[in-house]
Amino acid sequence: MNSYKISEAARATGFSVSALRFYEQEGVVVPERTATGYRTYRDDDLDSLRFVARGKQLGLSLEEITELLELLDGEECEPVQTRIRHLVNERIGQAQERVAELVGFTAQLQEAAAKLGVHTPDGACDDQCGCRSDPEEATATTRALIPLTGVSDSVIACSLHPDLVGGRIDDWNRVLAKAKSREPLSTGLRVGFDRDIDLVELVELVDAEQSCCSFFTFGIGVTADRVWLHVTGPEDAQPVITAVFGAAA
């Protein structure tokens, strides 16, 4: 088995030398020491460090990565995959919650911006100008579209009230939990379900989503063994499609 100095291990794994020292201090990957005290990394240490990098890409904590490294020592893939899948599913839920929070907050900002241009008194601020608080007679017509991504030629926006965004994502999560496959399309995603999926619920959810997010294009198809949901959109909408509907496998 090959041996590597800490600088060589850093180059081979993409970590800095200080990061390797930190992982050693935390007991994540602990190299052997020579008689003169120099760190010596082996091939399996480098494999472990590459696994650490993979865990960081997935947003796992150092504690979780250390737990997974212990499972790796068992030389059986199934327990490792099962645990990673569980942790990744937790991260998906957390990411979708953040999406809902950001969309909701953006809606509040956009609504405030729309109201600020409606009434400007000649003198001091009043109850209708929107500077101190929302105007007293705010209506749904003042609610602007909610931009979800950067500026583009297409309007990437959702008009759903911010208080309802979390519930809508929960509705999608409940349906998408039944998905059997996700395949890439040139401008989006194709999600496959078993034939026993509740088509009425799926159609109703698609209809509700289309009413507030017109930048999505939906299609539903049925084959001998699958019900397919096609979700497509412009280039700027691709991160939103991935966040809500998942990534192609």
C-alpha atoms as a PDB file:
ATOM      1  CA  MET A   1       0.000   0.000   0.000  1.00  0.00           C
ATOM      2  CA  ASN A   2       1.272   3.457  -0.940  1.00  0.00           C
ATOM      3  CA  SER A   3       2.064   6.105   1.639  1.00  0.00           C
ATOM      4  CA  TYR A   4       1.720   9.852   1.265  1.00  0.00           C
ATOM      5  CA  LYS A   5       2.923  12.918   3.098  1.00  0.00           C
ATOM      6  CA  ILE A   6       0.237  15.362   4.207  1.00  0.00           C
ATOM      7  CA  SER A   7       1.014  17.711   1.308  1.00  0.00           C
ATOM      8  CA  GLU A   8       0.668  14.819  -1.148  1.00  0.00           C
ATOM      9  CA  ALA A   9      -2.597  13.716   0.434  1.00  0.00           C
ATOM     10  CA  ALA A  10      -3.885  17.280   0.156  1.00  0.00           C
ATOM     11  CA  ARG A  11      -3.075  17.431  -3.559  1.00  0.00           C
ATOM     12  CA  ALA A  12      -4.619  14.012  -4.180  1.00  0.00           C
ATOM     13  CA  THR A  13      -7.917  14.799  -2.421  1.00  0.00           C
ATOM     14  CA  GLY A  14      -8.363  18.517  -3.077  1.00  0.00           C
ATOM     15  CA  PHE A  15      -8.341  19.423   0.622  1.00  0.00           C
ATOM     16  CA  SER A  16      -6.000  21.964   2.114  1.00  0.00           C
ATOM     17  CA  VAL A  17      -3.328  20.855   4.541  1.00  0.00           C
ATOM     18  CA  SER A  18      -5.106  22.740   7.312  1.00  0.00           C
ATOM     19  CA  ALA A  19      -8.340  20.878   6.517  1.00  0.00           C
ATOM     20  CA  LEU A  20      -6.542  17.532   6.822  1.00  0.00           C
ATOM     21  CA  ARG A  21      -5.146  18.576  10.181  1.00  0.00           C
ATOM     22  CA  PHE A  22      -8.655  19.555  11.278  1.00  0.00           C
ATOM     23  CA  TYR A  23     -10.119  16.189  10.218  1.00  0.00           C
ATOM     24  CA  GLU A  24      -7.356  14.458  12.134  1.00  0.00           C
ATOM     25  CA  GLN A  25      -8.082  16.551  15.220  1.00  0.00           C
ATOM     26  CA  GLU A  26     -11.790  15.678  14.964  1.00  0.00           C
ATOM     27  CA  GLY A  27     -11.026  11.974  14.566  1.00  0.00           C
ATOM     28  CA  VAL A  28     -12.524  11.748  11.069  1.00  0.00           C
ATOM     29  CA  VAL A  29      -9.436  10.523   9.186  1.00  0.00           C
ATOM     30  CA  VAL A  30      -6.422   9.930  11.399  1.00  0.00           C
ATOM     31  CA  PRO A  31      -3.152   9.128   9.593  1.00  0.00           C
ATOM     32  CA  GLU A  32      -0.355   7.058  11.033  1.00  0.00           C
ATOM     33  CA  ARG A  33       2.791   8.725  12.311  1.00  0.00           C
ATOM     34  CA  THR A  34       6.369   7.876  11.500  1.00  0.00           C
ATOM     35  CA  ALA A  35       8.952   7.414  14.231  1.00  0.00           C
ATOM     36  CA  THR A  36       9.930  11.047  13.729  1.00  0.00           C
ATOM     37  CA  GLY A  37       6.325  12.258  14.029  1.00  0.00           C
ATOM     38  CA  TYR A  38       5.477  12.886  10.379  1.00  0.00           C
ATOM     39  CA  ARG A  39       1.936  12.077   9.216  1.00  0.00           C
ATOM     40  CA  THR A  40       1.643   9.200   6.776  1.00  0.00           C
ATOM     41  CA  TYR A  41      -1.538   8.720   4.756  1.00  0.00           C
ATOM     42  CA  ARG A  42      -2.405   5.416   3.109  1.00  0.00           C
ATOM     43  CA  ASP A  43      -4.576   4.685   0.085  1.00  0.00           C
ATOM     44  CA  ASP A  44      -7.542   3.854   2.284  1.00  0.00           C
ATOM     45  CA  ASP A  45      -7.110   7.199   4.084  1.00  0.00           C
ATOM     46  CA  LEU A  46      -7.339   8.960   0.727  1.00  0.00           C
ATOM     47  CA  ASP A  47     -10.466   6.968  -0.096  1.00  0.00           C
ATOM     48  CA  SER A  48     -11.968   8.065   3.218  1.00  0.00           C
ATOM     49  CA  LEU A  49     -11.089  11.702   2.513  1.00  0.00           C
ATOM     50  CA  ARG A  50     -12.737  11.499  -0.909  1.00  0.00           C
ATOM     51  CA  PHE A  51     -15.817  10.132   0.837  1.00  0.00           C
ATOM     52  CA  VAL A  52     -15.681  13.111   3.210  1.00  0.00           C
ATOM     53  CA  ALA A  53     -15.691  15.401   0.167  1.00  0.00           C
ATOM     54  CA  ARG A  54     -18.725  13.555  -1.206  1.00  0.00           C
ATOM     55  CA  GLY A  55     -20.550  13.961   2.092  1.00  0.00           C
ATOM     56  CA  LYS A  56     -19.812  17.684   2.129  1.00  0.00           C
ATOM     57  CA  GLN A  57     -21.251  17.972  -1.387  1.00  0.00           C
ATOM     58  CA  LEU A  58     -24.486  16.458  -0.051  1.00  0.00           C
ATOM     59  CA  GLY A  59     -24.601  18.909   2.842  1.00  0.00           C
ATOM     60  CA  LEU A  60     -23.921  16.301   5.519  1.00  0.00           C
ATOM     61  CA  SER A  61     -22.532  17.299   8.887  1.00  0.00           C
ATOM     62  CA  LEU A  62     -19.118  16.153  10.058  1.00  0.00           C
ATOM     63  CA  GLU A  63     -20.798  13.981  12.675  1.00  0.00           C
ATOM     64  CA  GLU A  64     -22.920  12.282  10.006  1.00  0.00           C
ATOM     65  CA  ILE A  65     -19.925  11.770   7.735  1.00  0.00           C
ATOM     66  CA  THR A  66     -17.977  10.192  10.598  1.00  0.00           C
ATOM     67  CA  GLU A  67     -20.894   7.837  11.246  1.00  0.00           C
ATOM     68  CA  LEU A  68     -20.939   6.854   7.565  1.00  0.00           C
ATOM     69  CA  LEU A  69     -17.191   6.225   7.559  1.00  0.00           C
ATOM     70  CA  GLU A  70     -17.733   3.685  10.336  1.00  0.00           C
ATOM     71  CA  LEU A  71     -20.360   1.963   8.164  1.00  0.00           C
ATOM     72  CA  LEU A  72     -17.916   1.931   5.253  1.00  0.00           C
ATOM     73  CA  ASP A  73     -15.496  -0.082   7.361  1.00  0.00           C
ATOM     74  CA  GLY A  74     -18.098  -2.864   7.389  1.00  0.00           C
ATOM     75  CA  GLU A  75     -17.406  -3.447   3.671  1.00  0.00           C
ATOM     76  CA  GLU A  76     -21.114  -3.737   2.854  1.00  0.00           C
ATOM     77  CA  CYS A  77     -22.676  -1.160   0.552  1.00  0.00           C
ATOM     78  CA  GLU A  78     -26.346  -1.606   1.450  1.00  0.00           C
ATOM     79  CA  PRO A  79     -26.210  -0.130   4.988  1.00  0.00           C
ATOM     80  CA  VAL A  80     -24.156   2.809   3.706  1.00  0.00           C
ATOM     81  CA  GLN A  81     -26.574   3.540   0.870  1.00  0.00           C
ATOM     82  CA  THR A  82     -29.596   3.194   3.131  1.00  0.00           C
ATOM     83  CA  ARG A  83     -28.200   5.673   5.642  1.00  0.00           C
ATOM     84  CA  ILE A  84     -27.086   8.131   2.928  1.00  0.00           C
ATOM     85  CA  ARG A  85     -30.526   7.944   1.307  1.00  0.00           C
ATOM     86  CA  HIS A  86     -32.178   8.743   4.638  1.00  0.00           C
ATOM     87  CA  LEU A  87     -29.875  11.711   5.252  1.00  0.00           C
ATOM     88  CA  VAL A  88     -30.275  13.018   1.701  1.00  0.00           C
ATOM     89  CA  ASN A  89     -34.062  12.820   1.954  1.00  0.00           C
ATOM     90  CA  GLU A  90     -33.838  14.908   5.130  1.00  0.00           C
ATOM     91  CA  ARG A  91     -31.753  17.483   3.246  1.00  0.00           C
ATOM     92  CA  ILE A  92     -34.290  17.553   0.408  1.00  0.00           C
ATOM     93  CA  GLY A  93     -37.034  18.388   2.890  1.00  0.00           C
ATOM     94  CA  GLN A  94     -34.916  21.097   4.495  1.00  0.00           C
ATOM     95  CA  ALA A  95     -34.035  22.588   1.102  1.00  0.00           C
ATOM     96  CA  GLN A  96     -37.686  22.677   0.074  1.00  0.00           C
ATOM     97  CA  GLU A  97     -38.596  24.404   3.340  1.00  0.00           C
ATOM     98  CA  ARG A  98     -35.990  27.055   2.567  1.00  0.00           C
ATOM     99  CA  VAL A  99     -37.435  27.440  -0.941  1.00  0.00           C
ATOM    100  CA  ALA A 100     -40.888  28.022   0.582  1.00  0.00           C
ATOM    101  CA  GLU A 101     -39.495  30.546   3.067  1.00  0.00           C
ATOM    102  CA  LEU A 102     -37.589  32.445   0.360  1.00  0.00           C
ATOM    103  CA  VAL A 103     -40.552  32.492  -2.004  1.00  0.00           C
ATOM    104  CA  GLY A 104     -42.816  33.679   0.799  1.00  0.00           C
ATOM    105  CA  PHE A 105     -40.401  36.413   1.846  1.00  0.00           C
ATOM    106  CA  THR A 106     -39.924  37.494  -1.767  1.00  0.00           C
ATOM    107  CA  ALA A 107     -43.702  37.737  -2.091  1.00  0.00           C
ATOM    108  CA  GLN A 108     -43.887  40.054   0.907  1.00  0.00           C
ATOM    109  CA  LEU A 109     -41.164  42.278  -0.545  1.00  0.00           C
ATOM    110  CA  GLN A 110     -42.739  42.314  -3.987  1.00  0.00           C
ATOM    111  CA  GLU A 111     -46.169  43.128  -2.587  1.00  0.00           C
ATOM    112  CA  ALA A 112     -44.702  45.986  -0.554  1.00  0.00           C
ATOM    113  CA  ALA A 113     -42.893  47.297  -3.651  1.00  0.00           C
ATOM    114  CA  ALA A 114     -46.118  47.243  -5.662  1.00  0.00           C
ATOM    115  CA  LYS A 115     -48.034  49.171  -2.982  1.00  0.00           C
ATOM    116  CA  LEU A 116     -45.307  51.800  -2.584  1.00  0.00           C
ATOM    117  CA  GLY A 117     -45.939  53.087  -6.082  1.00  0.00           C
ATOM    118  CA  VAL A 118     -49.704  53.466  -5.763  1.00  0.00           C
ATOM    119  CA  HIS A 119     -50.135  56.576  -3.578  1.00  0.00           C
ATOM    120  CA  THR A 120     -47.663  59.383  -2.855  1.00  0.00           C
ATOM    121  CA  PRO A 121     -49.156  62.230  -0.804  1.00  0.00           C
ATOM    122  CA  ASP A 122     -48.047  65.816  -1.419  1.00  0.00           C
ATOM    123  CA  GLY A 123     -47.063  66.284   2.207  1.00  0.00           C
ATOM    124  CA  ALA A 124     -46.082  63.897   4.989  1.00  0.00           C
ATOM    125  CA  CYS A 125     -46.571  60.143   4.840  1.00  0.00           C
ATOM    126  CA  ASP A 126     -50.073  58.923   5.603  1.00  0.00           C
ATOM    127  CA  ASP A 127     -51.877  55.626   6.175  1.00  0.00           C
ATOM    128  CA  GLN A 128     -52.151  54.930   2.438  1.00  0.00           C
ATOM    129  CA  CYS A 129     -48.601  55.525   1.193  1.00  0.00           C
ATOM    130  CA  GLY A 130     -47.140  52.237   2.439  1.00  0.00           C
ATOM    131  CA  CYS A 131     -44.047  53.738   4.068  1.00  0.00           C
ATOM    132  CA  ARG A 132     -44.873  52.988   7.694  1.00  0.00           C
ATOM    133  CA  SER A 133     -47.152  49.968   7.149  1.00  0.00           C
ATOM    134  CA  ASP A 134     -49.338  48.308   4.541  1.00  0.00           C
ATOM    135  CA  PRO A 135     -52.075  50.581   3.166  1.00  0.00           C
ATOM    136  CA  GLU A 136     -55.385  50.001   4.940  1.00  0.00           C
ATOM    137  CA  GLU A 137     -57.248  48.999   1.797  1.00  0.00           C
ATOM    138  CA  ALA A 138     -54.791  46.591   0.208  1.00  0.00           C
ATOM    139  CA  THR A 139     -56.418  44.245  -2.284  1.00  0.00           C
ATOM    140  CA  ALA A 140     -55.404  41.125  -4.089  1.00  0.00           C
ATOM    141  CA  THR A 141     -54.986  43.179  -7.262  1.00  0.00           C
ATOM    142  CA  THR A 142     -51.951  44.903  -5.768  1.00  0.00           C
ATOM    143  CA  ARG A 143     -50.150  41.618  -5.300  1.00  0.00           C
ATOM    144  CA  ALA A 144     -47.413  41.418  -7.917  1.00  0.00           C
ATOM    145  CA  LEU A 145     -45.842  38.343  -9.358  1.00  0.00           C
ATOM    146  CA  ILE A 146     -43.141  36.782  -7.183  1.00  0.00           C
ATOM    147  CA  PRO A 147     -39.799  36.535  -9.020  1.00  0.00           C
ATOM    148  CA  LEU A 148     -38.081  33.259  -8.178  1.00  0.00           C
ATOM    149  CA  THR A 149     -34.837  33.656 -10.101  1.00  0.00           C
ATOM    150  CA  GLY A 150     -32.809  36.330 -11.849  1.00  0.00           C
ATOM    151  CA  VAL A 151     -34.056  38.669 -14.521  1.00  0.00           C
ATOM    152  CA  SER A 152     -34.672  37.052 -17.886  1.00  0.00           C
ATOM    153  CA  ASP A 153     -36.797  37.439 -20.997  1.00  0.00           C
ATOM    154  CA  SER A 154     -39.307  35.035 -19.426  1.00  0.00           C
ATOM    155  CA  VAL A 155     -41.294  35.906 -16.321  1.00  0.00           C
ATOM    156  CA  ILE A 156     -40.245  33.338 -13.721  1.00  0.00           C
ATOM    157  CA  ALA A 157     -42.839  34.166 -11.119  1.00  0.00           C
ATOM    158  CA  CYS A 158     -45.424  32.777  -8.717  1.00  0.00           C
ATOM    159  CA  SER A 159     -48.513  34.714  -7.626  1.00  0.00           C
ATOM    160  CA  LEU A 160     -49.433  32.336  -4.788  1.00  0.00           C
ATOM    161  CA  HIS A 161     -49.904  34.130  -1.474  1.00  0.00           C
ATOM    162  CA  PRO A 162     -46.792  33.617   0.713  1.00  0.00           C
ATOM    163  CA  ASP A 163     -48.886  32.097   3.496  1.00  0.00           C
ATOM    164  CA  LEU A 164     -49.909  29.300   1.107  1.00  0.00           C
ATOM    165  CA  VAL A 165     -46.508  28.453  -0.380  1.00  0.00           C
ATOM    166  CA  GLY A 166     -45.507  26.003   2.367  1.00  0.00           C
ATOM    167  CA  GLY A 167     -48.791  24.120   2.055  1.00  0.00           C
ATOM    168  CA  ARG A 168     -48.412  23.852  -1.711  1.00  0.00           C
ATOM    169  CA  ILE A 169     -44.928  22.386  -1.372  1.00  0.00           C
ATOM    170  CA  ASP A 170     -46.272  19.924   1.209  1.00  0.00           C
ATOM    171  CA  ASP A 171     -48.933  18.881  -1.321  1.00  0.00           C
ATOM    172  CA  TRP A 172     -46.272  18.254  -3.961  1.00  0.00           C
ATOM    173  CA  ASN A 173     -44.076  16.376  -1.508  1.00  0.00           C
ATOM    174  CA  ARG A 174     -46.952  14.048  -0.659  1.00  0.00           C
ATOM    175  CA  VAL A 175     -47.564  13.239  -4.338  1.00  0.00           C
ATOM    176  CA  LEU A 176     -43.903  13.118  -5.371  1.00  0.00           C
ATOM    177  CA  ALA A 177     -43.111  10.692  -2.534  1.00  0.00           C
ATOM    178  CA  LYS A 178     -44.847   8.101  -4.732  1.00  0.00           C
ATOM    179  CA  ALA A 179     -42.576   8.749  -7.720  1.00  0.00           C
ATOM    180  CA  LYS A 180     -40.771   5.726  -9.116  1.00  0.00           C
ATOM    181  CA  SER A 181     -38.415   7.499 -11.494  1.00  0.00           C
ATOM    182  CA  ARG A 182     -37.205  10.902 -12.622  1.00  0.00           C
ATOM    183  CA  GLU A 183     -35.820  11.361 -16.119  1.00  0.00           C
ATOM    184  CA  PRO A 184     -34.282  14.480 -17.652  1.00  0.00           C
ATOM    185  CA  LEU A 185     -35.977  16.393 -20.436  1.00  0.00           C
ATOM    186  CA  SER A 186     -34.244  19.055 -22.503  1.00  0.00           C
ATOM    187  CA  THR A 187     -36.126  21.788 -20.623  1.00  0.00           C
ATOM    188  CA  GLY A 188     -37.224  20.045 -17.454  1.00  0.00           C
ATOM    189  CA  LEU A 189     -38.116  16.719 -15.912  1.00  0.00           C
ATOM    190  CA  ARG A 190     -40.295  13.660 -16.462  1.00  0.00           C
ATOM    191  CA  VAL A 191     -41.576  12.009 -13.282  1.00  0.00           C
ATOM    192  CA  GLY A 192     -42.916   8.453 -13.415  1.00  0.00           C
ATOM    193  CA  PHE A 193     -45.589   6.990 -11.107  1.00  0.00           C
ATOM    194  CA  ASP A 194     -47.264   3.594 -10.827  1.00  0.00           C
ATOM    195  CA  ARG A 195     -50.581   3.332 -12.646  1.00  0.00           C
ATOM    196  CA  ASP A 196     -52.497   3.360  -9.348  1.00  0.00           C
ATOM    197  CA  ILE A 197     -51.532   6.987  -8.644  1.00  0.00           C
ATOM    198  CA  ASP A 198     -54.564   9.179  -7.918  1.00  0.00           C
ATOM    199  CA  LEU A 199     -54.914  10.936 -11.282  1.00  0.00           C
ATOM    200  CA  VAL A 200     -57.612  13.272 -10.028  1.00  0.00           C
ATOM    201  CA  GLU A 201     -55.358  14.532  -7.230  1.00  0.00           C
ATOM    202  CA  LEU A 202     -52.441  14.913  -9.642  1.00  0.00           C
ATOM    203  CA  VAL A 203     -54.495  16.852 -12.193  1.00  0.00           C
ATOM    204  CA  GLU A 204     -55.963  19.111  -9.512  1.00  0.00           C
ATOM    205  CA  LEU A 205     -52.503  19.865  -8.149  1.00  0.00           C
ATOM    206  CA  VAL A 206     -51.150  20.583 -11.632  1.00  0.00           C
ATOM    207  CA  ASP A 207     -54.099  22.894 -12.296  1.00  0.00           C
ATOM    208  CA  ALA A 208     -53.515  24.757  -9.020  1.00  0.00           C
ATOM    209  CA  GLU A 209     -49.800  25.128  -9.743  1.00  0.00           C
ATOM    210  CA  GLN A 210     -50.415  26.347 -13.281  1.00  0.00           C
ATOM    211  CA  SER A 211     -52.762  29.033 -12.015  1.00  0.00           C
ATOM    212  CA  CYS A 212     -50.009  30.689  -9.960  1.00  0.00           C
ATOM    213  CA  CYS A 213     -46.844  29.646 -11.810  1.00  0.00           C
ATOM    214  CA  SER A 214     -47.614  30.104 -15.493  1.00  0.00           C
ATOM    215  CA  PHE A 215     -43.959  29.732 -16.449  1.00  0.00           C
ATOM    216  CA  PHE A 216     -44.320  25.962 -15.854  1.00  0.00           C
ATOM    217  CA  THR A 217     -45.605  23.778 -18.670  1.00  0.00           C
ATOM    218  CA  PHE A 218     -47.178  20.535 -17.474  1.00  0.00           C
ATOM    219  CA  GLY A 219     -48.111  17.392 -19.341  1.00  0.00           C
ATOM    220  CA  ILE A 220     -49.581  14.114 -18.097  1.00  0.00           C
ATOM    221  CA  GLY A 221     -49.249  10.888 -20.080  1.00  0.00           C
ATOM    222  CA  VAL A 222     -50.241   7.290 -19.471  1.00  0.00           C
ATOM    223  CA  THR A 223     -48.423   4.193 -20.733  1.00  0.00           C
ATOM    224  CA  ALA A 224     -48.943   0.501 -20.032  1.00  0.00           C
ATOM    225  CA  ASP A 225     -47.150   0.596 -16.694  1.00  0.00           C
ATOM    226  CA  ARG A 226     -46.643   4.279 -15.819  1.00  0.00           C
ATOM    227  CA  VAL A 227     -48.310   7.619 -15.363  1.00  0.00           C
ATOM    228  CA  TRP A 228     -45.912  10.362 -16.457  1.00  0.00           C
ATOM    229  CA  LEU A 229     -45.795  13.941 -15.272  1.00  0.00           C
ATOM    230  CA  HIS A 230     -43.811  16.250 -17.554  1.00  0.00           C
ATOM    231  CA  VAL A 231     -42.646  19.536 -16.016  1.00  0.00           C
ATOM    232  CA  THR A 232     -40.830  21.971 -18.286  1.00  0.00           C
ATOM    233  CA  GLY A 233     -39.956  25.645 -18.254  1.00  0.00           C
ATOM    234  CA  PRO A 234     -37.475  28.265 -19.463  1.00  0.00           C
ATOM    235  CA  GLU A 235     -33.800  28.117 -18.593  1.00  0.00           C
ATOM    236  CA  ASP A 236     -34.113  30.351 -15.522  1.00  0.00           C
ATOM    237  CA  ALA A 237     -36.826  28.050 -14.155  1.00  0.00           C
ATOM    238  CA  GLN A 238     -34.634  24.932 -14.095  1.00  0.00           C
ATOM    239  CA  PRO A 239     -33.414  25.441 -10.478  1.00  0.00           C
ATOM    240  CA  VAL A 240     -37.033  25.886  -9.388  1.00  0.00           C
ATOM    241  CA  ILE A 241     -38.091  22.679 -11.180  1.00  0.00           C
ATOM    242  CA  THR A 242     -35.278  20.770  -9.459  1.00  0.00           C
ATOM    243  CA  ALA A 243     -36.067  22.270  -6.037  1.00  0.00           C
ATOM    244  CA  VAL A 244     -39.762  21.434  -6.195  1.00  0.00           C
ATOM    245  CA  PHE A 245     -39.950  18.296  -8.310  1.00  0.00           C
ATOM    246  CA  GLY A 246     -36.546  16.687  -7.697  1.00  0.00           C
ATOM    247  CA  ALA A 247     -33.525  15.938  -9.838  1.00  0.00           C
ATOM    248  CA  ALA A 248     -33.329  13.398 -12.627  1.00  0.00           C
ATOM    249  CA  ALA A 249     -31.658  10.166 -11.533  1.00  0.00           C
END
